[in-house]
C-alpha atoms as a PDB file:
ATOM      1  CA  MET A   1     112.805 -51.116-136.310  1.00  0.00           C
ATOM      2  CA  ALA A   2     116.097 -49.211-136.628  1.00  0.00           C
ATOM      3  CA  VAL A   3     114.256 -46.441-138.473  1.00  0.00           C
ATOM      4  CA  ASP A   4     111.789 -46.184-135.596  1.00  0.00           C
ATOM      5  CA  PHE A   5     114.653 -45.659-133.145  1.00  0.00           C
ATOM      6  CA  LEU A   6     115.921 -42.816-135.360  1.00  0.00           C
ATOM      7  CA  ILE A   7     112.451 -41.295-135.365  1.00  0.00           C
ATOM      8  CA  ILE A   8     112.317 -41.585-131.571  1.00  0.00           C
ATOM      9  CA  ALA A   9     115.662 -39.802-131.303  1.00  0.00           C
ATOM     10  CA  SER A  10     114.450 -37.058-133.654  1.00  0.00           C
ATOM     11  CA  TYR A  11     111.179 -36.328-131.925  1.00  0.00           C
ATOM     12  CA  GLY A  12     112.899 -36.719-128.569  1.00  0.00           C
ATOM     13  CA  TYR A  13     115.261 -33.881-129.440  1.00  0.00           C
ATOM     14  CA  VAL A  14     112.418 -31.599-130.529  1.00  0.00           C
ATOM     15  CA  LEU A  15     110.350 -32.544-127.484  1.00  0.00           C
ATOM     16  CA  ALA A  16     113.276 -31.919-125.125  1.00  0.00           C
ATOM     17  CA  ARG A  17     113.931 -28.484-126.601  1.00  0.00           C
ATOM     18  CA  GLY A  18     110.315 -27.401-126.274  1.00  0.00           C
ATOM     19  CA  ALA A  19     109.769 -28.877-122.832  1.00  0.00           C
ATOM     20  CA  GLY A  20     113.078 -27.511-121.537  1.00  0.00           C
ATOM     21  CA  TRP A  21     112.201 -24.021-122.722  1.00  0.00           C
ATOM     22  CA  ALA A  22     108.712 -24.204-121.201  1.00  0.00           C
ATOM     23  CA  PHE A  23     110.012 -25.591-117.901  1.00  0.00           C
ATOM     24  CA  ALA A  24     112.637 -22.867-117.572  1.00  0.00           C
ATOM     25  CA  ARG A  25     110.083 -20.179-118.387  1.00  0.00           C
ATOM     26  CA  LEU A  26     107.512 -21.489-115.906  1.00  0.00           C
ATOM     27  CA  ALA A  27     110.039 -22.134-113.141  1.00  0.00           C
ATOM     28  CA  GLY A  28     111.374 -18.617-113.484  1.00  0.00           C
ATOM     29  CA  LEU A  29     114.928 -19.765-114.171  1.00  0.00           C
ATOM     30  CA  ARG A  30     117.106 -16.921-115.404  1.00  0.00           C
ATOM     31  CA  ARG A  31     120.795 -17.728-115.785  1.00  0.00           C
ATOM     32  CA  ALA A  32     122.898 -16.728-112.756  1.00  0.00           C
ATOM     33  CA  GLU A  33     120.002 -15.226-110.796  1.00  0.00           C
ATOM     34  CA  VAL A  34     118.707 -18.631-109.785  1.00  0.00           C
ATOM     35  CA  LYS A  35     118.855 -19.321-106.092  1.00  0.00           C
ATOM     36  CA  VAL A  36     119.072 -22.880-104.877  1.00  0.00           C
ATOM     37  CA  SER A  37     116.210 -22.259-102.459  1.00  0.00           C
ATOM     38  CA  MET A  38     113.819 -21.533-105.349  1.00  0.00           C
ATOM     39  CA  LYS A  39     112.097 -24.847-106.002  1.00  0.00           C
ATOM     40  CA  PRO A  40     109.576 -25.198-108.858  1.00  0.00           C
ATOM     41  CA  PRO A  41     106.086 -26.458-107.976  1.00  0.00           C
ATOM     42  CA  THR A  42     105.555 -30.217-107.761  1.00  0.00           C
ATOM     43  CA  VAL A  43     103.162 -30.236-110.725  1.00  0.00           C
ATOM     44  CA  LEU A  44     105.774 -28.511-112.844  1.00  0.00           C
ATOM     45  CA  ASN A  45     108.419 -31.027-111.764  1.00  0.00           C
ATOM     46  CA  CYS A  46     106.130 -33.919-112.726  1.00  0.00           C
ATOM     47  CA  LEU A  47     105.350 -32.383-116.114  1.00  0.00           C
ATOM     48  CA  GLY A  48     109.074 -31.789-116.625  1.00  0.00           C
ATOM     49  CA  MET A  49     109.692 -35.540-116.383  1.00  0.00           C
ATOM     50  CA  ALA A  50     107.057 -36.341-119.021  1.00  0.00           C
ATOM     51  CA  PRO A  51     109.301 -36.044-122.133  1.00  0.00           C
ATOM     52  CA  MET A  52     111.829 -38.488-120.702  1.00  0.00           C
ATOM     53  CA  LEU A  53     109.042 -40.892-119.759  1.00  0.00           C
ATOM     54  CA  ALA A  54     107.594 -40.647-123.287  1.00  0.00           C
ATOM     55  CA  ILE A  55     110.932 -41.555-124.884  1.00  0.00           C
ATOM     56  CA  LEU A  56     111.604 -44.441-122.488  1.00  0.00           C
ATOM     57  CA  ALA A  57     108.072 -45.799-122.919  1.00  0.00           C
ATOM     58  CA  ASP A  58     108.398 -45.627-126.719  1.00  0.00           C
ATOM     59  CA  ILE A  59     111.695 -47.548-126.595  1.00  0.00           C
ATOM     60  CA  ALA A  60     110.093 -50.107-124.266  1.00  0.00           C
ATOM     61  CA  GLU A  61     107.153 -50.403-126.653  1.00  0.00           C
ATOM     62  CA  ASN A  62     109.518 -51.159-129.536  1.00  0.00           C
ATOM     63  CA  LEU A  63     111.423 -53.792-127.587  1.00  0.00           C
ATOM     64  CA  LEU A  64     108.220 -55.416-126.318  1.00  0.00           C
ATOM     65  CA  THR A  65     106.819 -55.459-129.854  1.00  0.00           C
ATOM     66  CA  TRP A  66     109.929 -57.309-130.970  1.00  0.00           C
ATOM     67  CA  LEU A  67     109.612 -59.762-128.061  1.00  0.00           C
ATOM     68  CA  THR A  68     105.920 -60.332-128.791  1.00  0.00           C
ATOM     69  CA  LEU A  69     106.666 -61.136-132.413  1.00  0.00           C
ATOM     70  CA  ALA A  70     109.631 -63.307-131.438  1.00  0.00           C
ATOM     71  CA  VAL A  71     107.585 -65.571-129.168  1.00  0.00           C
ATOM     72  CA  ALA A  72     104.400 -65.592-131.240  1.00  0.00           C
ATOM     73  CA  HIS A  73     103.011 -69.098-131.793  1.00  0.00           C
ATOM     74  CA  ASN A  74     105.791 -70.686-129.769  1.00  0.00           C
ATOM     75  CA  PRO A  75     104.353 -73.835-128.168  1.00  0.00           C
ATOM     76  CA  LEU A  76     107.107 -73.919-125.515  1.00  0.00           C
ATOM     77  CA  ILE A  77     106.076 -70.536-124.063  1.00  0.00           C
ATOM     78  CA  PRO A  78     102.271 -70.424-124.362  1.00  0.00           C
ATOM     79  CA  ALA A  79     101.508 -67.351-122.225  1.00  0.00           C
ATOM     80  CA  ALA A  80     104.506 -65.228-123.231  1.00  0.00           C
ATOM     81  CA  GLU A  81     102.767 -63.724-126.258  1.00  0.00           C
ATOM     82  CA  PHE A  82      99.892 -62.533-124.068  1.00  0.00           C
ATOM     83  CA  VAL A  83     102.204 -61.184-121.337  1.00  0.00           C
ATOM     84  CA  PHE A  84     104.488 -59.317-123.761  1.00  0.00           C
ATOM     85  CA  GLY A  85     101.483 -58.045-125.703  1.00  0.00           C
ATOM     86  CA  LEU A  86      99.903 -56.700-122.518  1.00  0.00           C
ATOM     87  CA  ALA A  87     103.182 -55.053-121.476  1.00  0.00           C
ATOM     88  CA  MET A  88     103.492 -53.543-124.962  1.00  0.00           C
ATOM     89  CA  THR A  89      99.983 -52.105-124.648  1.00  0.00           C
ATOM     90  CA  LEU A  90     100.783 -50.606-121.237  1.00  0.00           C
ATOM     91  CA  ALA A  91     103.998 -49.077-122.604  1.00  0.00           C
ATOM     92  CA  SER A  92     102.054 -47.560-125.493  1.00  0.00           C
ATOM     93  CA  ALA A  93      99.451 -46.087-123.134  1.00  0.00           C
ATOM     94  CA  MET A  94     102.223 -44.679-120.932  1.00  0.00           C
ATOM     95  CA  LYS A  95     103.890 -43.137-123.985  1.00  0.00           C
ATOM     96  CA  TRP A  96     100.714 -41.372-125.092  1.00  0.00           C
ATOM     97  CA  LEU A  97      99.954 -40.104-121.585  1.00  0.00           C
ATOM     98  CA  ALA A  98     103.486 -38.735-121.310  1.00  0.00           C
ATOM     99  CA  LEU A  99     103.228 -37.089-124.742  1.00  0.00           C
ATOM    100  CA  ILE A 100      99.969 -35.422-123.700  1.00  0.00           C
ATOM    101  CA  ALA A 101     101.619 -34.229-120.467  1.00  0.00           C
ATOM    102  CA  SER A 102     104.544 -32.868-122.508  1.00  0.00           C
ATOM    103  CA  LEU A 103     102.117 -31.007-124.760  1.00  0.00           C
ATOM    104  CA  ILE A 104     100.397 -29.547-121.690  1.00  0.00           C
ATOM    105  CA  LEU A 105     103.775 -28.352-120.381  1.00  0.00           C
ATOM    106  CA  ILE A 106     104.711 -26.719-123.686  1.00  0.00           C
ATOM    107  CA  LEU A 107     101.313 -25.037-124.084  1.00  0.00           C
ATOM    108  CA  TRP A 108     101.438 -23.853-120.476  1.00  0.00           C
ATOM    109  CA  GLY A 109     104.838 -22.314-121.204  1.00  0.00           C
ATOM    110  CA  CYS A 110     103.538 -20.634-124.361  1.00  0.00           C
ATOM    111  CA  PHE A 111     100.546 -19.047-122.675  1.00  0.00           C
ATOM    112  CA  ALA A 112     102.113 -18.215-119.321  1.00  0.00           C
ATOM    113  CA  ASN A 113     102.680 -14.616-118.376  1.00  0.00           C
ATOM    114  CA  ARG A 114     106.300 -13.926-119.255  1.00  0.00           C
ATOM    115  CA  TYR A 115     106.940 -11.800-116.205  1.00  0.00           C
ATOM    116  CA  GLN A 116     105.078 -13.833-113.614  1.00  0.00           C
ATOM    117  CA  ARG A 117     106.836 -14.626-110.406  1.00  0.00           C
ATOM    118  CA  PRO A 118     107.544 -18.329-109.876  1.00  0.00           C
ATOM    119  CA  VAL A 119     104.945 -20.113-107.790  1.00  0.00           C
ATOM    120  CA  SER A 120     106.400 -21.527-104.623  1.00  0.00           C
ATOM    121  CA  GLY A 121     105.398 -25.121-104.022  1.00  0.00           C
END
């Protein structure tokens, strides 16, 4: 399980670099030129949160996996295995949806017109 946390940290770094670059490119952020009144579109803001959600959901999935295994076949807590297993499944689904959203953000940044004006939302 400790190795999985190291893998999460590794892919989280790579994901953050790519998503941060794509977000800055799509939002039109350019160093000191940025004005506070320039707000990125809502869709872009939501996609910008996807990498963080993917990492948190993956950590939650690991912890819920551990809890599911810890309470498995425990006669004192009969429904806990089902509840933790269901929560683990939901965390896994959330992780994959967030990873797909992160991929969409990065691909959008790659194929966006470099000199486009930021879309006001």
